[in-house]
Amino acid sequence: MAQLNVNGKMVQVDVDPSTPLLWVLREQLDLPGTKYGCGIAACGACTIHIDGRATRACGIAVSSVTAQQKIVTIEGLSPDSSHPVQKAWLAMDVPQCGYCQSGMIMTAAALLAEKPKPTDADIDSAMANICRCGTFVRVRAAIHSAAGTSNSKG
């Protein structure tokens, strides 16, 4: 039995220790906002926060996470979608198909927590998520908007 701290609540799940955290979140805890994309931690659709760091949930076994670590999914980022990144995403019309967006938002939120005023270079380096719709220009603009900065070369 694994004990996890997910979105501020302690939960217990009875799964094989090697089960990817992604499947625990989606199937055992009914948190479908964290998406399955590639299954090899390459695309970023499954990005969550573990202790504030952007982490790809498909590539981490549930046994690798302790009850002391704080897991935050897109559902836990803000209860009413009022996080600055979520608001900027809507204002900048970032989503097209939307599939990758929860992972993109979680990656951007972690970036801003680490670097509140990121440069374009910081954004380009952090935002390694794949978006098949190609909204990367709007992603960068939304991150600058959430940070309260204008586009800056760096």
Protein backbone atom coordinates (compact mmCIF):
# COMPACT_ATOMS: atom_id res chain seq x y z
CA MET A 1 0.00 0.00 0.00
CA ALA A 2 1.50 3.33 -1.06
CA GLN A 3 0.72 6.53 0.81
CA LEU A 4 0.89 9.73 -1.23
CA ASN A 5 0.31 13.44 -0.65
CA VAL A 6 -1.68 14.51 -3.71
CA ASN A 7 -3.08 18.02 -4.06
CA GLY A 8 -2.80 18.53 -0.30
CA LYS A 9 -4.57 15.30 0.69
CA MET A 10 -3.03 12.10 2.00
CA VAL A 11 -4.23 9.10 -0.01
CA GLN A 12 -3.47 5.39 0.01
CA VAL A 13 -3.36 3.27 -3.11
CA ASP A 14 -2.97 -0.46 -3.43
CA VAL A 15 -0.93 -0.92 -6.60
CA ASP A 16 2.19 -2.72 -7.74
CA PRO A 17 5.17 -0.58 -6.62
CA SER A 18 6.42 -0.36 -10.21
CA THR A 19 3.17 1.21 -11.46
CA PRO A 20 3.86 4.56 -13.10
CA LEU A 21 2.59 7.46 -11.01
CA LEU A 22 0.61 8.63 -14.05
CA TRP A 23 -1.65 5.57 -13.90
CA VAL A 24 -2.17 5.93 -10.15
CA LEU A 25 -3.24 9.56 -10.61
CA ARG A 26 -5.55 8.86 -13.54
CA GLU A 27 -7.00 5.46 -12.66
CA GLN A 28 -6.86 5.07 -8.89
CA LEU A 29 -7.32 8.73 -7.89
CA ASP A 30 -9.57 9.85 -10.78
CA LEU A 31 -7.40 12.84 -11.71
CA PRO A 32 -7.62 12.72 -15.52
CA GLY A 33 -6.09 16.16 -16.15
CA THR A 34 -2.64 14.59 -16.21
CA LYS A 35 -2.52 13.17 -19.73
CA TYR A 36 -0.86 10.11 -21.21
CA GLY A 37 1.18 11.06 -24.24
CA CYS A 38 4.20 8.92 -24.99
CA GLY A 39 4.80 6.72 -21.94
CA ILE A 40 8.57 7.36 -22.02
CA ALA A 41 8.74 10.79 -20.31
CA ALA A 42 9.58 12.54 -23.58
CA CYS A 43 6.50 14.60 -24.51
CA GLY A 44 5.53 16.24 -21.22
CA ALA A 45 1.75 15.73 -21.42
CA CYS A 46 1.91 14.02 -18.02
CA THR A 47 3.84 16.77 -16.23
CA ILE A 48 3.00 17.26 -12.56
CA HIS A 49 4.86 18.87 -9.67
CA ILE A 50 6.68 16.88 -7.03
CA ASP A 51 7.86 19.22 -4.31
CA GLY A 52 7.48 22.10 -6.77
CA ARG A 53 9.57 20.57 -9.54
CA ALA A 54 8.10 19.72 -12.92
CA THR A 55 8.14 15.92 -13.17
CA ARG A 56 6.87 13.61 -15.88
CA ALA A 57 4.52 11.20 -14.13
CA CYS A 58 4.74 8.43 -16.74
CA GLY A 59 8.43 7.95 -16.03
CA ILE A 60 8.33 7.62 -12.26
CA ALA A 61 7.20 4.54 -10.34
CA VAL A 62 4.79 5.09 -7.48
CA SER A 63 7.38 3.48 -5.18
CA SER A 64 9.77 6.35 -5.98
CA VAL A 65 7.52 8.89 -4.26
CA THR A 66 7.30 9.17 -0.48
CA ALA A 67 4.37 10.35 1.63
CA GLN A 68 6.44 13.40 2.58
CA GLN A 69 6.71 14.59 -1.00
CA LYS A 70 3.99 16.92 -2.25
CA ILE A 71 2.45 15.92 -5.56
CA VAL A 72 0.42 18.57 -7.37
CA THR A 73 -1.57 17.85 -10.52
CA ILE A 74 -3.31 20.33 -12.82
CA GLU A 75 -6.45 19.80 -10.71
CA GLY A 76 -4.54 20.99 -7.64
CA LEU A 77 -2.70 23.93 -9.20
CA SER A 78 -5.58 26.23 -8.28
CA PRO A 79 -9.13 25.34 -7.26
CA ASP A 80 -10.73 27.84 -9.63
CA SER A 81 -8.19 28.14 -12.47
CA SER A 82 -6.97 31.44 -11.07
CA HIS A 83 -3.26 30.61 -11.20
CA PRO A 84 -1.49 33.33 -13.22
CA VAL A 85 -0.33 30.80 -15.81
CA GLN A 86 -3.85 29.47 -16.32
CA LYS A 87 -5.21 32.99 -16.69
CA ALA A 88 -2.45 33.95 -19.15
CA TRP A 89 -3.05 30.75 -21.14
CA LEU A 90 -6.65 31.79 -21.69
CA ALA A 91 -5.85 35.45 -22.34
CA MET A 92 -3.23 34.53 -24.96
CA ASP A 93 -5.45 31.87 -26.54
CA VAL A 94 -2.70 29.26 -26.20
CA PRO A 95 -4.66 26.00 -26.48
CA GLN A 96 -5.71 24.59 -29.81
CA CYS A 97 -6.45 20.88 -29.43
CA GLY A 98 -5.60 21.23 -25.73
CA TYR A 99 -4.22 17.75 -25.13
CA CYS A 100 -0.73 18.84 -24.04
CA GLN A 101 -1.86 21.94 -22.20
CA SER A 102 -2.08 20.63 -18.63
CA GLY A 103 1.54 19.45 -18.90
CA MET A 104 2.59 22.74 -20.49
CA ILE A 105 0.85 24.74 -17.75
CA MET A 106 2.47 22.66 -15.01
CA THR A 107 5.90 23.08 -16.60
CA ALA A 108 5.39 26.84 -16.95
CA ALA A 109 4.17 27.17 -13.35
CA ALA A 110 7.27 25.35 -12.08
CA LEU A 111 9.48 27.60 -14.22
CA LEU A 112 7.90 30.75 -12.79
CA ALA A 113 8.22 29.45 -9.24
CA GLU A 114 11.94 28.96 -9.86
CA LYS A 115 12.51 32.03 -12.07
CA PRO A 116 9.78 34.64 -11.56
CA LYS A 117 11.09 36.83 -14.42
CA PRO A 118 12.30 34.38 -17.07
CA THR A 119 14.02 35.39 -20.28
CA ASP A 120 13.15 33.87 -23.64
CA ALA A 121 16.17 31.60 -23.22
CA ASP A 122 14.89 30.44 -19.80
CA ILE A 123 11.49 29.69 -21.29
CA ASP A 124 12.91 27.89 -24.31
CA SER A 125 15.10 25.77 -22.06
CA ALA A 126 12.34 24.86 -19.59
CA MET A 127 9.51 24.29 -22.04
CA ALA A 128 10.66 21.01 -23.55
CA ASN A 129 7.07 19.74 -23.78
CA ILE A 130 5.83 18.73 -27.20
CA CYS A 131 2.83 20.52 -28.69
CA ARG A 132 1.69 19.05 -32.00
CA CYS A 133 -0.36 22.18 -32.70
CA GLY A 134 2.79 24.32 -32.49
CA THR A 135 1.56 27.03 -30.13
CA PHE A 136 5.05 27.72 -28.80
CA VAL A 137 5.02 31.43 -29.68
CA ARG A 138 1.81 31.87 -27.68
CA VAL A 139 3.21 29.71 -24.86
CA ARG A 140 6.19 32.05 -24.55
CA ALA A 141 3.93 35.13 -24.62
CA ALA A 142 1.65 33.63 -21.96
CA ILE A 143 4.59 32.88 -19.68
CA HIS A 144 5.84 36.44 -20.03
CA SER A 145 2.32 37.69 -19.34
CA ALA A 146 2.01 35.55 -16.21
CA ALA A 147 5.41 36.84 -15.07
CA GLY A 148 4.47 40.43 -15.80
CA THR A 149 7.36 40.81 -18.23
CA SER A 150 7.59 41.60 -21.91
CA ASN A 151 9.41 39.39 -24.34
CA SER A 152 13.11 39.68 -23.65
CA LYS A 153 16.02 38.12 -25.44
CA GLY A 154 18.35 36.27 -23.20
